[in-house]
Amino acid sequence: TITSQPAFAESFRERRCLIPADGFYEWRRDETGKVPVWVHRPDDELFPFAGIWASYEARDGGEPLHSCAIVTTAPNALMRPIHDRMPVILDPDAEGNWLDPDAKAQDLEALLAPAPESLLVVQEVSDLVNSVREDGPELIAPRGSVQALF
């Protein structure tokens, strides 16, 4: 819907960006409830999400609001059991095409494909990720290797 929803279409045409990441969280449902998982590259290297951005004038006359969003697509086979979509992870060779201000819509849309399953691994992690107060390497440690702090 990125090409048709007014909130995103203009940014898709005119304001694309790369959002670097070393992984992302999702929550897989099982018989016990929601289990957090850390999705990342097997080599733990960074990868670029396809992103869009916009700036808006503040209603109160203050500083403009700058916003960005990660573009999503259908899930690959690895992600399908976990969620009905996944971030668009760009191949390094596609980064320049994504950022090209003269790129044609159909060429950009072709980049919005699911990442190959071999690019990512899924690792169950601690429920600590459910708290905004937590921050540290224990948030990406394999489930069971972290003792609860409370």
C-alpha atoms as a PDB file:
ATOM      1  CA  THR A   1       0.000   0.000   0.000  1.00  0.00           C
ATOM      2  CA  ILE A   2       3.031   2.297   0.066  1.00  0.00           C
ATOM      3  CA  THR A   3       2.252   3.583  -3.422  1.00  0.00           C
ATOM      4  CA  SER A   4      -1.437   4.244  -2.757  1.00  0.00           C
ATOM      5  CA  GLN A   5      -1.788   5.415   0.851  1.00  0.00           C
ATOM      6  CA  PRO A   6      -1.540   9.211   0.950  1.00  0.00           C
ATOM      7  CA  ALA A   7       0.482   9.124   4.186  1.00  0.00           C
ATOM      8  CA  PHE A   8       3.260   7.185   2.423  1.00  0.00           C
ATOM      9  CA  ALA A   9       2.974   7.673  -1.355  1.00  0.00           C
ATOM     10  CA  GLU A  10       4.713  11.056  -1.554  1.00  0.00           C
ATOM     11  CA  SER A  11       7.575   9.918   0.657  1.00  0.00           C
ATOM     12  CA  PHE A  12       7.912   6.761  -1.447  1.00  0.00           C
ATOM     13  CA  ARG A  13       8.256   8.907  -4.563  1.00  0.00           C
ATOM     14  CA  GLU A  14      10.439  11.645  -3.121  1.00  0.00           C
ATOM     15  CA  ARG A  15      11.952  10.871   0.295  1.00  0.00           C
ATOM     16  CA  ARG A  16      13.526   7.446   0.606  1.00  0.00           C
ATOM     17  CA  CYS A  17      16.261   6.579   3.087  1.00  0.00           C
ATOM     18  CA  LEU A  18      18.232   3.680   4.505  1.00  0.00           C
ATOM     19  CA  ILE A  19      17.741   2.680   8.127  1.00  0.00           C
ATOM     20  CA  PRO A  20      20.708   0.663   9.399  1.00  0.00           C
ATOM     21  CA  ALA A  21      19.993  -2.151  11.826  1.00  0.00           C
ATOM     22  CA  ASP A  22      21.621  -5.226  13.247  1.00  0.00           C
ATOM     23  CA  GLY A  23      18.296  -6.981  13.769  1.00  0.00           C
ATOM     24  CA  PHE A  24      14.702  -6.589  14.848  1.00  0.00           C
ATOM     25  CA  TYR A  25      12.293  -8.081  17.360  1.00  0.00           C
ATOM     26  CA  GLU A  26       9.072  -9.924  16.667  1.00  0.00           C
ATOM     27  CA  TRP A  27       6.769 -11.965  18.882  1.00  0.00           C
ATOM     28  CA  ARG A  28       5.934 -15.527  17.917  1.00  0.00           C
ATOM     29  CA  ARG A  29       2.752 -17.023  19.306  1.00  0.00           C
ATOM     30  CA  ASP A  30       2.821 -20.484  20.829  1.00  0.00           C
ATOM     31  CA  GLU A  31       0.795 -22.412  23.427  1.00  0.00           C
ATOM     32  CA  THR A  32       2.327 -20.342  26.250  1.00  0.00           C
ATOM     33  CA  GLY A  33       1.558 -16.962  24.666  1.00  0.00           C
ATOM     34  CA  LYS A  34       3.850 -14.549  22.853  1.00  0.00           C
ATOM     35  CA  VAL A  35       7.546 -15.389  22.737  1.00  0.00           C
ATOM     36  CA  PRO A  36       9.969 -12.593  21.751  1.00  0.00           C
ATOM     37  CA  VAL A  37      12.453 -13.400  19.020  1.00  0.00           C
ATOM     38  CA  TRP A  38      15.495 -11.514  17.744  1.00  0.00           C
ATOM     39  CA  VAL A  39      15.825 -11.677  13.951  1.00  0.00           C
ATOM     40  CA  HIS A  40      19.334 -10.939  12.704  1.00  0.00           C
ATOM     41  CA  ARG A  41      22.058 -11.947  10.269  1.00  0.00           C
ATOM     42  CA  PRO A  42      24.028 -15.084  11.207  1.00  0.00           C
ATOM     43  CA  ASP A  43      27.229 -13.012  11.121  1.00  0.00           C
ATOM     44  CA  ASP A  44      25.639 -10.212  13.231  1.00  0.00           C
ATOM     45  CA  GLU A  45      26.568  -7.594  10.595  1.00  0.00           C
ATOM     46  CA  LEU A  46      24.428  -4.551   9.871  1.00  0.00           C
ATOM     47  CA  PHE A  47      21.862  -4.476   7.077  1.00  0.00           C
ATOM     48  CA  PRO A  48      19.768  -1.657   5.610  1.00  0.00           C
ATOM     49  CA  PHE A  49      16.005  -1.434   5.933  1.00  0.00           C
ATOM     50  CA  ALA A  50      14.243   0.427   3.139  1.00  0.00           C
ATOM     51  CA  GLY A  51      12.845   3.572   4.729  1.00  0.00           C
ATOM     52  CA  ILE A  52      10.855   6.675   3.922  1.00  0.00           C
ATOM     53  CA  TRP A  53      10.865  10.012   5.720  1.00  0.00           C
ATOM     54  CA  ALA A  54       8.872  13.234   6.019  1.00  0.00           C
ATOM     55  CA  SER A  55       8.995  16.567   7.813  1.00  0.00           C
ATOM     56  CA  TYR A  56       5.915  18.328   9.150  1.00  0.00           C
ATOM     57  CA  GLU A  57       5.411  21.830  10.451  1.00  0.00           C
ATOM     58  CA  ALA A  58       4.606  21.844  14.150  1.00  0.00           C
ATOM     59  CA  ARG A  59       1.057  22.970  14.906  1.00  0.00           C
ATOM     60  CA  ASP A  60       2.313  25.086  17.788  1.00  0.00           C
ATOM     61  CA  GLY A  61       4.836  26.894  15.588  1.00  0.00           C
ATOM     62  CA  GLY A  62       7.759  25.080  17.184  1.00  0.00           C
ATOM     63  CA  GLU A  63      10.436  22.999  15.556  1.00  0.00           C
ATOM     64  CA  PRO A  64       9.354  20.836  12.607  1.00  0.00           C
ATOM     65  CA  LEU A  65       8.602  17.190  13.314  1.00  0.00           C
ATOM     66  CA  HIS A  66      10.878  14.794  11.434  1.00  0.00           C
ATOM     67  CA  SER A  67       9.568  11.278  10.997  1.00  0.00           C
ATOM     68  CA  CYS A  68      10.601   8.081   9.262  1.00  0.00           C
ATOM     69  CA  ALA A  69       9.104   4.652   8.712  1.00  0.00           C
ATOM     70  CA  ILE A  70      10.482   1.242   7.843  1.00  0.00           C
ATOM     71  CA  VAL A  71       8.917  -0.181   4.690  1.00  0.00           C
ATOM     72  CA  THR A  72       7.442  -3.664   5.098  1.00  0.00           C
ATOM     73  CA  THR A  73       6.603  -6.457   2.697  1.00  0.00           C
ATOM     74  CA  ALA A  74       5.188  -9.986   2.709  1.00  0.00           C
ATOM     75  CA  PRO A  75       7.114 -12.396   4.950  1.00  0.00           C
ATOM     76  CA  ASN A  76       9.620 -14.907   3.642  1.00  0.00           C
ATOM     77  CA  ALA A  77       9.296 -18.584   4.651  1.00  0.00           C
ATOM     78  CA  LEU A  78      11.364 -18.003   7.823  1.00  0.00           C
ATOM     79  CA  MET A  79       9.143 -15.146   9.021  1.00  0.00           C
ATOM     80  CA  ARG A  80       5.753 -16.447   7.844  1.00  0.00           C
ATOM     81  CA  PRO A  81       5.102 -18.554  10.981  1.00  0.00           C
ATOM     82  CA  ILE A  82       5.929 -15.508  13.131  1.00  0.00           C
ATOM     83  CA  HIS A  83       4.283 -12.532  11.406  1.00  0.00           C
ATOM     84  CA  ASP A  84       2.289 -11.583   8.305  1.00  0.00           C
ATOM     85  CA  ARG A  85       4.925  -9.057   7.165  1.00  0.00           C
ATOM     86  CA  MET A  86       8.584  -8.206   7.566  1.00  0.00           C
ATOM     87  CA  PRO A  87      10.834  -5.193   6.994  1.00  0.00           C
ATOM     88  CA  VAL A  88      12.235  -4.710   3.501  1.00  0.00           C
ATOM     89  CA  ILE A  89      15.937  -5.519   3.846  1.00  0.00           C
ATOM     90  CA  LEU A  90      17.806  -4.161   0.873  1.00  0.00           C
ATOM     91  CA  ASP A  91      20.622  -6.003  -0.812  1.00  0.00           C
ATOM     92  CA  PRO A  92      23.776  -3.843  -0.749  1.00  0.00           C
ATOM     93  CA  ASP A  93      23.648  -3.640  -4.562  1.00  0.00           C
ATOM     94  CA  ALA A  94      20.131  -2.144  -4.330  1.00  0.00           C
ATOM     95  CA  GLU A  95      20.937   0.634  -1.851  1.00  0.00           C
ATOM     96  CA  GLY A  96      21.883   3.117  -4.581  1.00  0.00           C
ATOM     97  CA  ASN A  97      18.760   2.292  -6.574  1.00  0.00           C
ATOM     98  CA  TRP A  98      16.568   2.878  -3.514  1.00  0.00           C
ATOM     99  CA  LEU A  99      18.160   6.273  -2.897  1.00  0.00           C
ATOM    100  CA  ASP A 100      18.212   7.368  -6.564  1.00  0.00           C
ATOM    101  CA  PRO A 101      15.952  10.457  -6.818  1.00  0.00           C
ATOM    102  CA  ASP A 102      15.266   9.634 -10.480  1.00  0.00           C
ATOM    103  CA  ALA A 103      14.263   6.002  -9.889  1.00  0.00           C
ATOM    104  CA  LYS A 104      11.032   4.890 -11.520  1.00  0.00           C
ATOM    105  CA  ALA A 105       8.205   3.594  -9.327  1.00  0.00           C
ATOM    106  CA  GLN A 106       8.172   0.128 -10.928  1.00  0.00           C
ATOM    107  CA  ASP A 107      11.929  -0.243 -10.327  1.00  0.00           C
ATOM    108  CA  LEU A 108      11.484   0.749  -6.680  1.00  0.00           C
ATOM    109  CA  GLU A 109       8.525  -1.591  -6.230  1.00  0.00           C
ATOM    110  CA  ALA A 110      10.706  -4.466  -7.492  1.00  0.00           C
ATOM    111  CA  LEU A 111      12.998  -3.869  -4.491  1.00  0.00           C
ATOM    112  CA  LEU A 112      10.141  -4.438  -2.026  1.00  0.00           C
ATOM    113  CA  ALA A 113      10.610  -8.204  -1.952  1.00  0.00           C
ATOM    114  CA  PRO A 114      11.151 -10.396   1.103  1.00  0.00           C
ATOM    115  CA  ALA A 115      14.781 -11.033   2.021  1.00  0.00           C
ATOM    116  CA  PRO A 116      16.162 -14.492   1.287  1.00  0.00           C
ATOM    117  CA  GLU A 117      15.674 -16.885   4.205  1.00  0.00           C
ATOM    118  CA  SER A 118      19.429 -17.562   4.305  1.00  0.00           C
ATOM    119  CA  LEU A 119      20.117 -13.910   5.198  1.00  0.00           C
ATOM    120  CA  LEU A 120      18.457 -14.179   8.621  1.00  0.00           C
ATOM    121  CA  VAL A 121      18.258 -16.336  11.715  1.00  0.00           C
ATOM    122  CA  VAL A 122      15.584 -16.279  14.414  1.00  0.00           C
ATOM    123  CA  GLN A 123      16.585 -16.587  18.058  1.00  0.00           C
ATOM    124  CA  GLU A 124      14.238 -16.686  21.044  1.00  0.00           C
ATOM    125  CA  VAL A 125      15.184 -14.040  23.615  1.00  0.00           C
ATOM    126  CA  SER A 126      14.206 -13.055  27.136  1.00  0.00           C
ATOM    127  CA  ASP A 127      10.921 -11.361  28.036  1.00  0.00           C
ATOM    128  CA  LEU A 128      13.095  -8.446  29.204  1.00  0.00           C
ATOM    129  CA  VAL A 129      12.541  -6.956  25.723  1.00  0.00           C
ATOM    130  CA  ASN A 130       8.952  -6.247  26.783  1.00  0.00           C
ATOM    131  CA  SER A 131      10.092  -3.500  29.167  1.00  0.00           C
ATOM    132  CA  VAL A 132      11.144  -0.079  27.878  1.00  0.00           C
ATOM    133  CA  ARG A 133      13.268   0.278  31.028  1.00  0.00           C
ATOM    134  CA  GLU A 134      15.618  -2.465  29.884  1.00  0.00           C
ATOM    135  CA  ASP A 135      18.595  -1.740  27.638  1.00  0.00           C
ATOM    136  CA  GLY A 136      21.683  -3.845  27.164  1.00  0.00           C
ATOM    137  CA  PRO A 137      23.211  -6.876  25.490  1.00  0.00           C
ATOM    138  CA  GLU A 138      21.016  -9.210  27.547  1.00  0.00           C
ATOM    139  CA  LEU A 139      18.098  -8.207  25.289  1.00  0.00           C
ATOM    140  CA  ILE A 140      19.547 -10.196  22.399  1.00  0.00           C
ATOM    141  CA  ALA A 141      20.988 -13.086  24.454  1.00  0.00           C
ATOM    142  CA  PRO A 142      19.416 -16.481  23.701  1.00  0.00           C
ATOM    143  CA  ARG A 143      16.335 -17.238  25.806  1.00  0.00           C
ATOM    144  CA  GLY A 144      17.203 -19.022  29.039  1.00  0.00           C
ATOM    145  CA  SER A 145      20.701 -17.526  29.276  1.00  0.00           C
ATOM    146  CA  VAL A 146      19.487 -14.364  31.068  1.00  0.00           C
ATOM    147  CA  GLN A 147      18.213 -14.306  34.620  1.00  0.00           C
ATOM    148  CA  ALA A 148      15.272 -12.007  35.223  1.00  0.00           C
ATOM    149  CA  LEU A 149      16.282  -8.815  37.017  1.00  0.00           C
ATOM    150  CA  PHE A 150      13.064  -8.577  39.034  1.00  0.00           C
END
